[in-house]
Amino acid sequence: MSNQIDFEVLAQSLAAAGIAHSPSELQGLTAGLLATGHGGRDEELLGVLASHVDFEQGQLFDPALAGMLIAARDELVSGFGGTGLALHLLLPADEEDLGLRVAAIAQWCEGFLVGFGTGSANTHDKDLSQGIQEALSDLAAISQVETPDQDGDEEEDMYEQVAEHCRMAALMIYTELVMRPKAKAEEDAPATPPTKH
């Protein structure tokens, strides 16, 4: 996809702005927020991200960086909305060191959990389905993952599987909390507005 946000470019822009958080973590946070039905409005998203990166009250992202963060959000929205195949985790390139990529997946999961927690602040575990609770607990476990000692084919395969698992977990949570209720609301909505007599 040509419009995919470039990990490196975003990483450099964040570093230039003095932000120590990785693109993976911020994309994860955005995905977690979207999975609760929040973060769709630009100012809401940028506000949550600004508070996450410890900006001072009223401090804003510079316009170029804000644009990239919004574009990353829009990319997630279209990834979530399609068949799910277009949902890409923002991770370092395959030629990067495996340890770096594993750390990025852990950061992505950590971000997702923060975003999910922010978006579902008034929701209790008991209100979430068993499937969502399991997916969140998997993501929590992955966020604590250690970087591998070795860097072989087996570790590469494991990395691929874990990344795919994160992607599917995020997709499942989004589908259950956002897509289904939306489809149901559309289904329940009267086809034609009732006329008053």
N, C-alpha and C. Protein backbone atom coordinates (compact mmCIF):
# COMPACT_ATOMS: atom_id res chain seq x y z
N MET A 1 0.84 -1.20 0.00
CA MET A 1 0.00 0.00 0.00
C MET A 1 0.88 1.25 0.00
N SER A 2 0.63 2.12 -0.93
CA SER A 2 1.50 3.28 -1.08
C SER A 2 1.24 4.31 0.03
N ASN A 3 0.02 4.30 0.57
CA ASN A 3 -0.27 5.35 1.55
C ASN A 3 0.10 4.93 2.97
N GLN A 4 0.77 3.79 3.10
CA GLN A 4 1.12 3.34 4.44
C GLN A 4 2.08 4.30 5.12
N ILE A 5 1.82 4.58 6.37
CA ILE A 5 2.71 5.45 7.14
C ILE A 5 4.04 4.73 7.29
N ASP A 6 5.12 5.45 7.07
CA ASP A 6 6.45 4.85 7.18
C ASP A 6 6.92 4.91 8.62
N PHE A 7 7.29 3.75 9.17
CA PHE A 7 7.72 3.65 10.57
C PHE A 7 8.88 4.60 10.85
N GLU A 8 9.89 4.52 9.98
CA GLU A 8 11.11 5.32 10.18
C GLU A 8 10.83 6.82 10.16
N VAL A 9 10.04 7.24 9.17
CA VAL A 9 9.73 8.67 9.04
C VAL A 9 9.01 9.16 10.29
N LEU A 10 8.04 8.37 10.76
CA LEU A 10 7.30 8.77 11.95
C LEU A 10 8.22 8.76 13.18
N ALA A 11 9.08 7.73 13.26
CA ALA A 11 10.01 7.64 14.40
C ALA A 11 10.91 8.88 14.46
N GLN A 12 11.40 9.30 13.28
CA GLN A 12 12.27 10.48 13.24
C GLN A 12 11.51 11.75 13.62
N SER A 13 10.27 11.85 13.14
CA SER A 13 9.46 13.04 13.48
C SER A 13 9.18 13.10 14.97
N LEU A 14 8.91 11.94 15.57
CA LEU A 14 8.65 11.91 17.02
C LEU A 14 9.91 12.31 17.78
N ALA A 15 11.05 11.74 17.37
CA ALA A 15 12.32 12.04 18.03
C ALA A 15 12.63 13.54 17.91
N ALA A 16 12.40 14.09 16.72
CA ALA A 16 12.68 15.51 16.49
C ALA A 16 11.81 16.39 17.39
N ALA A 17 10.61 15.88 17.71
CA ALA A 17 9.70 16.64 18.59
C ALA A 17 10.01 16.39 20.07
N GLY A 18 11.04 15.57 20.32
CA GLY A 18 11.41 15.27 21.70
C GLY A 18 10.48 14.27 22.37
N ILE A 19 9.80 13.46 21.54
CA ILE A 19 8.86 12.46 22.08
C ILE A 19 9.55 11.10 22.11
N ALA A 20 9.63 10.51 23.30
CA ALA A 20 10.40 9.27 23.45
C ALA A 20 9.59 8.01 23.14
N HIS A 21 8.34 8.17 22.77
CA HIS A 21 7.48 7.01 22.50
C HIS A 21 7.67 6.53 21.07
N SER A 22 7.51 5.21 20.87
CA SER A 22 7.72 4.67 19.52
C SER A 22 6.44 4.78 18.68
N PRO A 23 6.60 4.81 17.35
CA PRO A 23 5.42 4.82 16.47
C PRO A 23 4.51 3.62 16.76
N SER A 24 5.11 2.47 17.10
CA SER A 24 4.31 1.26 17.37
C SER A 24 3.38 1.50 18.55
N GLU A 25 3.94 2.10 19.61
CA GLU A 25 3.13 2.34 20.81
C GLU A 25 1.99 3.31 20.53
N LEU A 26 2.28 4.37 19.76
CA LEU A 26 1.24 5.36 19.48
C LEU A 26 0.18 4.80 18.53
N GLN A 27 0.61 3.95 17.58
CA GLN A 27 -0.40 3.33 16.71
C GLN A 27 -1.24 2.35 17.52
N GLY A 28 -0.60 1.61 18.42
CA GLY A 28 -1.33 0.67 19.28
C GLY A 28 -2.36 1.41 20.12
N LEU A 29 -1.94 2.54 20.68
CA LEU A 29 -2.86 3.34 21.50
C LEU A 29 -4.06 3.80 20.67
N THR A 30 -3.77 4.25 19.45
CA THR A 30 -4.85 4.70 18.56
C THR A 30 -5.79 3.55 18.24
N ALA A 31 -5.21 2.37 17.98
CA ALA A 31 -6.04 1.19 17.67
C ALA A 31 -6.91 0.81 18.86
N GLY A 32 -6.34 0.88 20.06
CA GLY A 32 -7.10 0.55 21.27
C GLY A 32 -8.26 1.50 21.49
N LEU A 33 -7.99 2.77 21.20
CA LEU A 33 -9.02 3.80 21.34
C LEU A 33 -10.14 3.56 20.31
N LEU A 34 -9.74 3.30 19.07
CA LEU A 34 -10.72 3.04 18.01
C LEU A 34 -11.57 1.81 18.32
N ALA A 35 -10.94 0.82 18.95
CA ALA A 35 -11.65 -0.43 19.25
C ALA A 35 -12.75 -0.24 20.28
N THR A 36 -12.75 0.92 20.95
CA THR A 36 -13.83 1.21 21.90
C THR A 36 -14.82 2.20 21.30
N GLY A 37 -14.61 2.54 20.02
CA GLY A 37 -15.52 3.47 19.37
C GLY A 37 -15.12 4.93 19.57
N HIS A 38 -13.92 5.17 20.11
CA HIS A 38 -13.44 6.55 20.33
C HIS A 38 -12.27 6.85 19.39
N GLY A 39 -11.83 8.12 19.42
CA GLY A 39 -10.64 8.50 18.65
C GLY A 39 -10.92 8.85 17.20
N GLY A 40 -12.19 8.87 16.82
CA GLY A 40 -12.54 9.18 15.44
C GLY A 40 -12.42 10.67 15.12
N ARG A 41 -12.57 11.51 16.14
CA ARG A 41 -12.43 12.96 15.93
C ARG A 41 -10.98 13.36 16.13
N ASP A 42 -10.47 14.18 15.22
CA ASP A 42 -9.05 14.54 15.27
C ASP A 42 -8.62 15.11 16.61
N GLU A 43 -9.42 16.09 17.11
CA GLU A 43 -8.99 16.76 18.36
C GLU A 43 -9.03 15.79 19.55
N GLU A 44 -9.97 14.85 19.53
CA GLU A 44 -10.05 13.86 20.60
C GLU A 44 -8.79 12.97 20.56
N LEU A 45 -8.47 12.49 19.37
CA LEU A 45 -7.30 11.61 19.21
C LEU A 45 -6.02 12.33 19.62
N LEU A 46 -5.82 13.55 19.10
CA LEU A 46 -4.58 14.28 19.39
C LEU A 46 -4.50 14.64 20.88
N GLY A 47 -5.65 14.89 21.49
CA GLY A 47 -5.67 15.18 22.93
C GLY A 47 -5.21 13.99 23.75
N VAL A 48 -5.72 12.80 23.42
CA VAL A 48 -5.33 11.59 24.15
C VAL A 48 -3.83 11.31 23.93
N LEU A 49 -3.38 11.44 22.68
CA LEU A 49 -1.96 11.19 22.38
C LEU A 49 -1.07 12.21 23.09
N ALA A 50 -1.48 13.48 23.09
CA ALA A 50 -0.68 14.53 23.74
C ALA A 50 -0.54 14.23 25.23
N SER A 51 -1.64 13.79 25.84
CA SER A 51 -1.56 13.50 27.27
C SER A 51 -0.71 12.25 27.51
N HIS A 52 -0.75 11.29 26.57
CA HIS A 52 0.05 10.07 26.70
C HIS A 52 1.55 10.37 26.63
N VAL A 53 1.93 11.30 25.76
CA VAL A 53 3.37 11.60 25.62
C VAL A 53 3.80 12.70 26.60
N ASP A 54 2.95 12.96 27.60
CA ASP A 54 3.28 13.90 28.68
C ASP A 54 3.49 15.33 28.21
N PHE A 55 2.71 15.76 27.24
CA PHE A 55 2.78 17.17 26.84
C PHE A 55 2.25 18.01 27.99
N GLU A 56 2.73 19.25 28.07
CA GLU A 56 2.19 20.21 29.05
C GLU A 56 0.75 20.51 28.65
N GLN A 57 -0.03 20.97 29.62
CA GLN A 57 -1.41 21.37 29.35
C GLN A 57 -1.42 22.38 28.19
N GLY A 58 -2.21 22.11 27.17
CA GLY A 58 -2.32 23.06 26.06
C GLY A 58 -1.25 22.94 24.99
N GLN A 59 -0.22 22.11 25.26
CA GLN A 59 0.83 21.93 24.24
C GLN A 59 0.29 21.08 23.09
N LEU A 60 0.62 21.45 21.86
CA LEU A 60 0.08 20.74 20.70
C LEU A 60 1.19 20.10 19.88
N PHE A 61 0.82 19.08 19.10
CA PHE A 61 1.76 18.50 18.14
C PHE A 61 1.96 19.51 17.02
N ASP A 62 3.17 19.55 16.44
CA ASP A 62 3.31 20.46 15.31
C ASP A 62 2.48 19.91 14.16
N PRO A 63 2.00 20.78 13.26
CA PRO A 63 1.02 20.37 12.25
C PRO A 63 1.44 19.16 11.41
N ALA A 64 2.73 19.07 11.05
CA ALA A 64 3.17 17.95 10.21
C ALA A 64 3.05 16.63 10.96
N LEU A 65 3.46 16.65 12.24
CA LEU A 65 3.38 15.43 13.05
C LEU A 65 1.92 15.09 13.34
N ALA A 66 1.11 16.09 13.65
CA ALA A 66 -0.32 15.86 13.89
C ALA A 66 -0.94 15.21 12.66
N GLY A 67 -0.55 15.72 11.48
CA GLY A 67 -1.07 15.16 10.22
C GLY A 67 -0.71 13.70 10.05
N MET A 68 0.54 13.35 10.44
CA MET A 68 0.97 11.95 10.33
C MET A 68 0.20 11.06 11.29
N LEU A 69 -0.03 11.55 12.50
CA LEU A 69 -0.76 10.75 13.51
C LEU A 69 -2.22 10.55 13.08
N ILE A 70 -2.79 11.57 12.46
CA ILE A 70 -4.17 11.46 11.98
C ILE A 70 -4.22 10.50 10.78
N ALA A 71 -3.20 10.59 9.91
CA ALA A 71 -3.15 9.68 8.76
C ALA A 71 -3.00 8.23 9.23
N ALA A 72 -2.22 8.04 10.30
CA ALA A 72 -2.04 6.68 10.85
C ALA A 72 -3.38 6.17 11.39
N ARG A 73 -4.13 7.08 12.02
CA ARG A 73 -5.47 6.72 12.53
C ARG A 73 -6.40 6.34 11.37
N ASP A 74 -6.39 7.17 10.31
CA ASP A 74 -7.28 6.92 9.18
C ASP A 74 -6.96 5.59 8.51
N GLU A 75 -5.66 5.27 8.49
CA GLU A 75 -5.24 4.00 7.91
C GLU A 75 -5.77 2.82 8.74
N LEU A 76 -5.73 3.00 10.06
CA LEU A 76 -6.28 1.97 10.96
C LEU A 76 -7.78 1.80 10.73
N VAL A 77 -8.48 2.93 10.61
CA VAL A 77 -9.93 2.88 10.43
C VAL A 77 -10.27 2.09 9.17
N SER A 78 -9.54 2.37 8.07
CA SER A 78 -9.87 1.62 6.85
C SER A 78 -9.42 0.17 6.99
N GLY A 79 -8.35 -0.08 7.74
CA GLY A 79 -7.91 -1.46 7.98
C GLY A 79 -8.93 -2.25 8.78
N PHE A 80 -9.46 -1.61 9.83
CA PHE A 80 -10.49 -2.25 10.66
C PHE A 80 -11.77 -2.46 9.87
N GLY A 81 -12.09 -1.49 9.01
CA GLY A 81 -13.38 -1.50 8.35
C GLY A 81 -13.52 -2.49 7.22
N GLY A 82 -12.43 -2.87 6.59
CA GLY A 82 -12.53 -3.78 5.44
C GLY A 82 -12.64 -5.23 5.89
N THR A 83 -11.94 -6.08 5.17
CA THR A 83 -11.95 -7.51 5.52
C THR A 83 -10.97 -7.78 6.65
N GLY A 84 -10.22 -6.76 7.03
CA GLY A 84 -9.22 -6.95 8.08
C GLY A 84 -7.84 -7.21 7.51
N LEU A 85 -7.78 -7.54 6.22
CA LEU A 85 -6.49 -7.84 5.62
C LEU A 85 -5.64 -6.59 5.47
N ALA A 86 -6.30 -5.44 5.44
CA ALA A 86 -5.57 -4.18 5.25
C ALA A 86 -5.11 -3.58 6.58
N LEU A 87 -5.37 -4.29 7.68
CA LEU A 87 -4.94 -3.78 8.99
C LEU A 87 -3.47 -4.11 9.19
N HIS A 88 -2.64 -3.07 9.24
CA HIS A 88 -1.20 -3.29 9.39
C HIS A 88 -0.73 -2.71 10.71
N LEU A 89 0.09 -3.47 11.44
CA LEU A 89 0.70 -2.94 12.65
C LEU A 89 1.91 -2.11 12.22
N LEU A 90 2.09 -0.99 12.85
CA LEU A 90 3.22 -0.12 12.52
C LEU A 90 4.44 -0.63 13.29
N LEU A 91 5.27 -1.41 12.61
CA LEU A 91 6.44 -2.04 13.23
C LEU A 91 7.68 -1.75 12.39
N PRO A 92 8.88 -1.89 12.99
CA PRO A 92 10.10 -1.66 12.21
C PRO A 92 10.18 -2.63 11.03
N ALA A 93 10.92 -2.23 10.01
CA ALA A 93 11.05 -3.05 8.79
C ALA A 93 11.66 -4.42 9.11
N ASP A 94 11.35 -5.40 8.25
CA ASP A 94 11.81 -6.78 8.46
C ASP A 94 13.32 -6.91 8.55
N GLU A 95 14.05 -5.99 7.90
CA GLU A 95 15.52 -6.12 7.96
C GLU A 95 16.11 -5.59 9.26
N GLU A 96 15.27 -4.95 10.08
CA GLU A 96 15.76 -4.47 11.38
C GLU A 96 16.03 -5.66 12.31
N ASP A 97 16.83 -5.40 13.32
CA ASP A 97 17.18 -6.40 14.31
C ASP A 97 15.90 -6.99 14.94
N LEU A 98 15.88 -8.30 15.11
CA LEU A 98 14.69 -8.97 15.65
C LEU A 98 14.32 -8.43 17.03
N GLY A 99 15.34 -8.19 17.85
CA GLY A 99 15.09 -7.68 19.21
C GLY A 99 14.31 -6.38 19.18
N LEU A 100 14.67 -5.53 18.21
CA LEU A 100 14.02 -4.24 18.05
C LEU A 100 12.55 -4.43 17.65
N ARG A 101 12.31 -5.39 16.76
CA ARG A 101 10.95 -5.64 16.29
C ARG A 101 10.09 -6.27 17.38
N VAL A 102 10.70 -7.16 18.17
CA VAL A 102 9.95 -7.78 19.27
C VAL A 102 9.58 -6.70 20.30
N ALA A 103 10.54 -5.81 20.59
CA ALA A 103 10.27 -4.72 21.54
C ALA A 103 9.13 -3.84 21.01
N ALA A 104 9.11 -3.63 19.68
CA ALA A 104 8.06 -2.79 19.09
C ALA A 104 6.69 -3.44 19.22
N ILE A 105 6.63 -4.77 19.08
CA ILE A 105 5.34 -5.46 19.25
C ILE A 105 4.86 -5.30 20.69
N ALA A 106 5.79 -5.44 21.64
CA ALA A 106 5.43 -5.28 23.06
C ALA A 106 4.90 -3.86 23.28
N GLN A 107 5.56 -2.86 22.66
CA GLN A 107 5.12 -1.47 22.82
C GLN A 107 3.75 -1.27 22.17
N TRP A 108 3.53 -1.93 21.03
CA TRP A 108 2.24 -1.81 20.35
C TRP A 108 1.13 -2.31 21.27
N CYS A 109 1.37 -3.48 21.89
CA CYS A 109 0.36 -4.07 22.79
C CYS A 109 0.12 -3.18 24.00
N GLU A 110 1.21 -2.64 24.54
CA GLU A 110 1.08 -1.75 25.69
C GLU A 110 0.23 -0.53 25.31
N GLY A 111 0.53 0.03 24.13
CA GLY A 111 -0.24 1.17 23.64
C GLY A 111 -1.71 0.81 23.47
N PHE A 112 -1.96 -0.36 22.89
CA PHE A 112 -3.35 -0.79 22.65
C PHE A 112 -4.11 -0.85 23.98
N LEU A 113 -3.47 -1.41 24.99
CA LEU A 113 -4.14 -1.55 26.29
C LEU A 113 -4.43 -0.19 26.92
N VAL A 114 -3.49 0.76 26.75
CA VAL A 114 -3.70 2.12 27.28
C VAL A 114 -4.88 2.77 26.54
N GLY A 115 -4.86 2.65 25.20
CA GLY A 115 -5.94 3.24 24.40
C GLY A 115 -7.28 2.61 24.73
N PHE A 116 -7.27 1.29 24.88
CA PHE A 116 -8.51 0.57 25.20
C PHE A 116 -9.01 1.00 26.58
N GLY A 117 -8.08 1.09 27.53
CA GLY A 117 -8.45 1.50 28.90
C GLY A 117 -9.02 2.91 28.93
N THR A 118 -8.43 3.80 28.11
CA THR A 118 -8.91 5.19 28.04
C THR A 118 -10.31 5.24 27.44
N GLY A 119 -10.49 4.49 26.35
CA GLY A 119 -11.78 4.52 25.64
C GLY A 119 -12.90 3.81 26.38
N SER A 120 -12.53 2.84 27.23
CA SER A 120 -13.57 2.06 27.92
C SER A 120 -13.51 2.32 29.43
N ALA A 121 -13.19 3.57 29.78
CA ALA A 121 -12.97 3.93 31.19
C ALA A 121 -14.09 3.49 32.13
N ASN A 122 -15.34 3.53 31.67
CA ASN A 122 -16.44 3.19 32.57
C ASN A 122 -16.96 1.77 32.37
N THR A 123 -16.18 0.96 31.66
CA THR A 123 -16.62 -0.41 31.39
C THR A 123 -15.93 -1.36 32.37
N HIS A 124 -16.68 -2.30 32.90
CA HIS A 124 -16.10 -3.30 33.81
C HIS A 124 -15.82 -4.58 33.04
N ASP A 125 -14.84 -5.34 33.54
CA ASP A 125 -14.49 -6.61 32.88
C ASP A 125 -15.71 -7.47 32.61
N LYS A 126 -16.62 -7.50 33.60
CA LYS A 126 -17.79 -8.38 33.47
C LYS A 126 -18.69 -7.96 32.30
N ASP A 127 -18.53 -6.68 31.83
CA ASP A 127 -19.34 -6.22 30.69
C ASP A 127 -18.74 -6.66 29.36
N LEU A 128 -17.52 -7.18 29.41
CA LEU A 128 -16.85 -7.59 28.17
C LEU A 128 -17.02 -9.09 27.97
N SER A 129 -17.12 -9.51 26.73
CA SER A 129 -17.28 -10.94 26.45
C SER A 129 -16.00 -11.69 26.83
N GLN A 130 -16.15 -12.99 27.01
CA GLN A 130 -15.01 -13.86 27.33
C GLN A 130 -13.92 -13.70 26.27
N GLY A 131 -14.33 -13.63 25.02
CA GLY A 131 -13.37 -13.51 23.91
C GLY A 131 -12.53 -12.24 24.03
N ILE A 132 -13.20 -11.12 24.35
CA ILE A 132 -12.47 -9.85 24.48
C ILE A 132 -11.54 -9.91 25.68
N GLN A 133 -12.02 -10.45 26.78
CA GLN A 133 -11.17 -10.55 27.98
C GLN A 133 -9.92 -11.37 27.69
N GLU A 134 -10.10 -12.48 26.94
CA GLU A 134 -8.94 -13.32 26.60
C GLU A 134 -7.99 -12.57 25.67
N ALA A 135 -8.55 -11.87 24.69
CA ALA A 135 -7.71 -11.12 23.75
C ALA A 135 -6.90 -10.05 24.49
N LEU A 136 -7.55 -9.35 25.43
CA LEU A 136 -6.85 -8.31 26.20
C LEU A 136 -5.77 -8.94 27.08
N SER A 137 -6.08 -10.11 27.62
CA SER A 137 -5.08 -10.73 28.49
C SER A 137 -3.89 -11.25 27.66
N ASP A 138 -4.15 -11.70 26.42
CA ASP A 138 -3.05 -12.08 25.52
C ASP A 138 -2.17 -10.87 25.21
N LEU A 139 -2.83 -9.75 24.88
CA LEU A 139 -2.07 -8.54 24.55
C LEU A 139 -1.25 -8.07 25.76
N ALA A 140 -1.83 -8.22 26.95
CA ALA A 140 -1.10 -7.84 28.16
C ALA A 140 0.14 -8.72 28.33
N ALA A 141 -0.01 -10.01 28.05
CA ALA A 141 1.13 -10.93 28.17
C ALA A 141 2.21 -10.58 27.15
N ILE A 142 1.77 -10.27 25.92
CA ILE A 142 2.73 -9.94 24.86
C ILE A 142 3.45 -8.62 25.17
N SER A 143 2.76 -7.72 25.86
CA SER A 143 3.39 -6.43 26.17
C SER A 143 4.56 -6.61 27.15
N GLN A 144 4.60 -7.77 27.82
CA GLN A 144 5.67 -8.05 28.79
C GLN A 144 6.77 -8.94 28.20
N VAL A 145 6.67 -9.22 26.89
CA VAL A 145 7.55 -10.22 26.28
C VAL A 145 9.03 -9.78 26.34
N GLU A 146 9.88 -10.78 26.55
CA GLU A 146 11.32 -10.51 26.59
C GLU A 146 11.87 -10.55 25.17
N THR A 147 12.93 -9.79 24.91
CA THR A 147 13.53 -9.88 23.58
C THR A 147 14.30 -11.20 23.49
N PRO A 148 14.23 -11.88 22.33
CA PRO A 148 14.84 -13.20 22.20
C PRO A 148 16.37 -13.13 22.28
N ASP A 149 16.97 -14.21 22.81
CA ASP A 149 18.44 -14.28 22.89
C ASP A 149 19.03 -14.56 21.52
N GLN A 150 18.28 -15.34 20.75
CA GLN A 150 18.80 -15.71 19.43
C GLN A 150 17.98 -15.06 18.34
N ASP A 151 18.51 -15.18 17.13
CA ASP A 151 17.88 -14.51 16.01
C ASP A 151 17.90 -15.47 14.83
N GLY A 152 17.08 -16.52 14.91
CA GLY A 152 17.08 -17.52 13.84
C GLY A 152 15.73 -17.62 13.18
N ASP A 153 15.58 -18.61 12.30
CA ASP A 153 14.32 -18.79 11.58
C ASP A 153 13.17 -19.05 12.54
N GLU A 154 13.46 -19.84 13.57
CA GLU A 154 12.40 -20.20 14.52
C GLU A 154 11.87 -18.95 15.23
N GLU A 155 12.81 -18.07 15.64
CA GLU A 155 12.42 -16.83 16.31
C GLU A 155 11.67 -15.91 15.36
N GLU A 156 12.11 -15.89 14.09
CA GLU A 156 11.41 -15.08 13.08
C GLU A 156 9.97 -15.56 12.91
N ASP A 157 9.80 -16.89 12.85
CA ASP A 157 8.45 -17.46 12.70
C ASP A 157 7.58 -17.09 13.89
N MET A 158 8.19 -17.18 15.07
CA MET A 158 7.47 -16.87 16.30
C MET A 158 7.03 -15.40 16.28
N TYR A 159 7.94 -14.54 15.84
CA TYR A 159 7.65 -13.10 15.75
C TYR A 159 6.46 -12.86 14.82
N GLU A 160 6.49 -13.52 13.65
CA GLU A 160 5.39 -13.38 12.67
C GLU A 160 4.07 -13.82 13.29
N GLN A 161 4.11 -14.95 14.01
CA GLN A 161 2.88 -15.48 14.61
C GLN A 161 2.33 -14.53 15.68
N VAL A 162 3.24 -13.99 16.48
CA VAL A 162 2.81 -13.08 17.55
C VAL A 162 2.21 -11.81 16.95
N ALA A 163 2.86 -11.27 15.92
CA ALA A 163 2.36 -10.06 15.26
C ALA A 163 0.96 -10.32 14.70
N GLU A 164 0.80 -11.47 14.06
CA GLU A 164 -0.50 -11.82 13.48
C GLU A 164 -1.56 -11.99 14.57
N HIS A 165 -1.14 -12.57 15.70
CA HIS A 165 -2.06 -12.77 16.82
C HIS A 165 -2.54 -11.41 17.35
N CYS A 166 -1.62 -10.45 17.45
CA CYS A 166 -1.99 -9.10 17.93
C CYS A 166 -2.99 -8.46 16.97
N ARG A 167 -2.71 -8.61 15.69
CA ARG A 167 -3.56 -8.03 14.65
C ARG A 167 -4.97 -8.61 14.75
N MET A 168 -5.04 -9.93 14.88
CA MET A 168 -6.35 -10.59 14.95
C MET A 168 -7.09 -10.24 16.25
N ALA A 169 -6.35 -10.12 17.34
CA ALA A 169 -6.97 -9.76 18.63
C ALA A 169 -7.60 -8.37 18.52
N ALA A 170 -6.84 -7.42 17.94
CA ALA A 170 -7.34 -6.05 17.80
C ALA A 170 -8.58 -6.03 16.91
N LEU A 171 -8.51 -6.80 15.83
CA LEU A 171 -9.61 -6.87 14.87
C LEU A 171 -10.87 -7.45 15.52
N MET A 172 -10.66 -8.49 16.31
CA MET A 172 -11.80 -9.15 16.96
C MET A 172 -12.47 -8.20 17.96
N ILE A 173 -11.65 -7.48 18.73
CA ILE A 173 -12.20 -6.55 19.72
C ILE A 173 -12.97 -5.44 19.01
N TYR A 174 -12.38 -4.91 17.94
CA TYR A 174 -13.04 -3.83 17.18
C TYR A 174 -14.36 -4.32 16.58
N THR A 175 -14.32 -5.51 16.01
CA THR A 175 -15.53 -6.07 15.38
C THR A 175 -16.64 -6.21 16.40
N GLU A 176 -16.28 -6.73 17.58
CA GLU A 176 -17.31 -6.99 18.59
C GLU A 176 -17.85 -5.71 19.23
N LEU A 177 -16.97 -4.75 19.49
CA LEU A 177 -17.41 -3.54 20.21
C LEU A 177 -17.88 -2.41 19.30
N VAL A 178 -17.40 -2.37 18.06
CA VAL A 178 -17.75 -1.26 17.18
C VAL A 178 -18.59 -1.69 15.98
N MET A 179 -18.12 -2.69 15.25
CA MET A 179 -18.81 -3.10 14.02
C MET A 179 -20.18 -3.71 14.30
N ARG A 180 -20.24 -4.65 15.25
CA ARG A 180 -21.52 -5.34 15.51
C ARG A 180 -22.59 -4.40 16.01
N PRO A 181 -22.28 -3.58 17.05
CA PRO A 181 -23.32 -2.65 17.52
C PRO A 181 -23.77 -1.70 16.41
N LYS A 182 -22.80 -1.28 15.55
CA LYS A 182 -23.13 -0.36 14.47
C LYS A 182 -24.07 -1.04 13.47
N ALA A 183 -23.74 -2.28 13.12
CA ALA A 183 -24.57 -3.03 12.17
C ALA A 183 -25.96 -3.24 12.76
N LYS A 184 -25.99 -3.54 14.07
CA LYS A 184 -27.26 -3.79 14.73
C LYS A 184 -28.11 -2.51 14.75
N ALA A 185 -27.45 -1.39 15.03
CA ALA A 185 -28.17 -0.11 15.07
C ALA A 185 -28.76 0.21 13.69
N GLU A 186 -27.97 -0.08 12.66
CA GLU A 186 -28.47 0.17 11.30
C GLU A 186 -29.64 -0.75 10.96
N GLU A 187 -29.53 -1.98 11.46
CA GLU A 187 -30.58 -2.98 11.23
C GLU A 187 -31.87 -2.57 11.93
N ASP A 188 -31.70 -2.08 13.18
CA ASP A 188 -32.86 -1.72 13.99
C ASP A 188 -33.48 -0.38 13.59
N ALA A 189 -32.70 0.43 12.88
CA ALA A 189 -33.21 1.75 12.51
C ALA A 189 -34.37 1.60 11.54
N PRO A 190 -35.41 2.38 11.74
CA PRO A 190 -36.53 2.27 10.80
C PRO A 190 -36.09 2.69 9.40
N ALA A 191 -36.53 1.96 8.41
CA ALA A 191 -36.12 2.21 7.03
C ALA A 191 -36.59 3.60 6.57
N THR A 192 -37.84 3.91 6.90
CA THR A 192 -38.34 5.25 6.54
C THR A 192 -38.80 5.91 7.83
N PRO A 193 -38.55 7.20 7.95
CA PRO A 193 -38.99 7.86 9.19
C PRO A 193 -40.50 7.79 9.32
N PRO A 194 -40.98 7.45 10.50
CA PRO A 194 -42.45 7.36 10.68
C PRO A 194 -43.09 8.73 10.47
N THR A 195 -44.21 8.73 9.81
CA THR A 195 -44.90 10.01 9.55
C THR A 195 -45.91 10.27 10.67
N LYS A 196 -46.03 11.52 11.02
CA LYS A 196 -46.99 11.87 12.08
C LYS A 196 -48.35 12.12 11.45
N HIS A 197 -49.39 11.63 12.11
CA HIS A 197 -50.76 11.85 11.58
C HIS A 197 -51.47 12.87 12.44
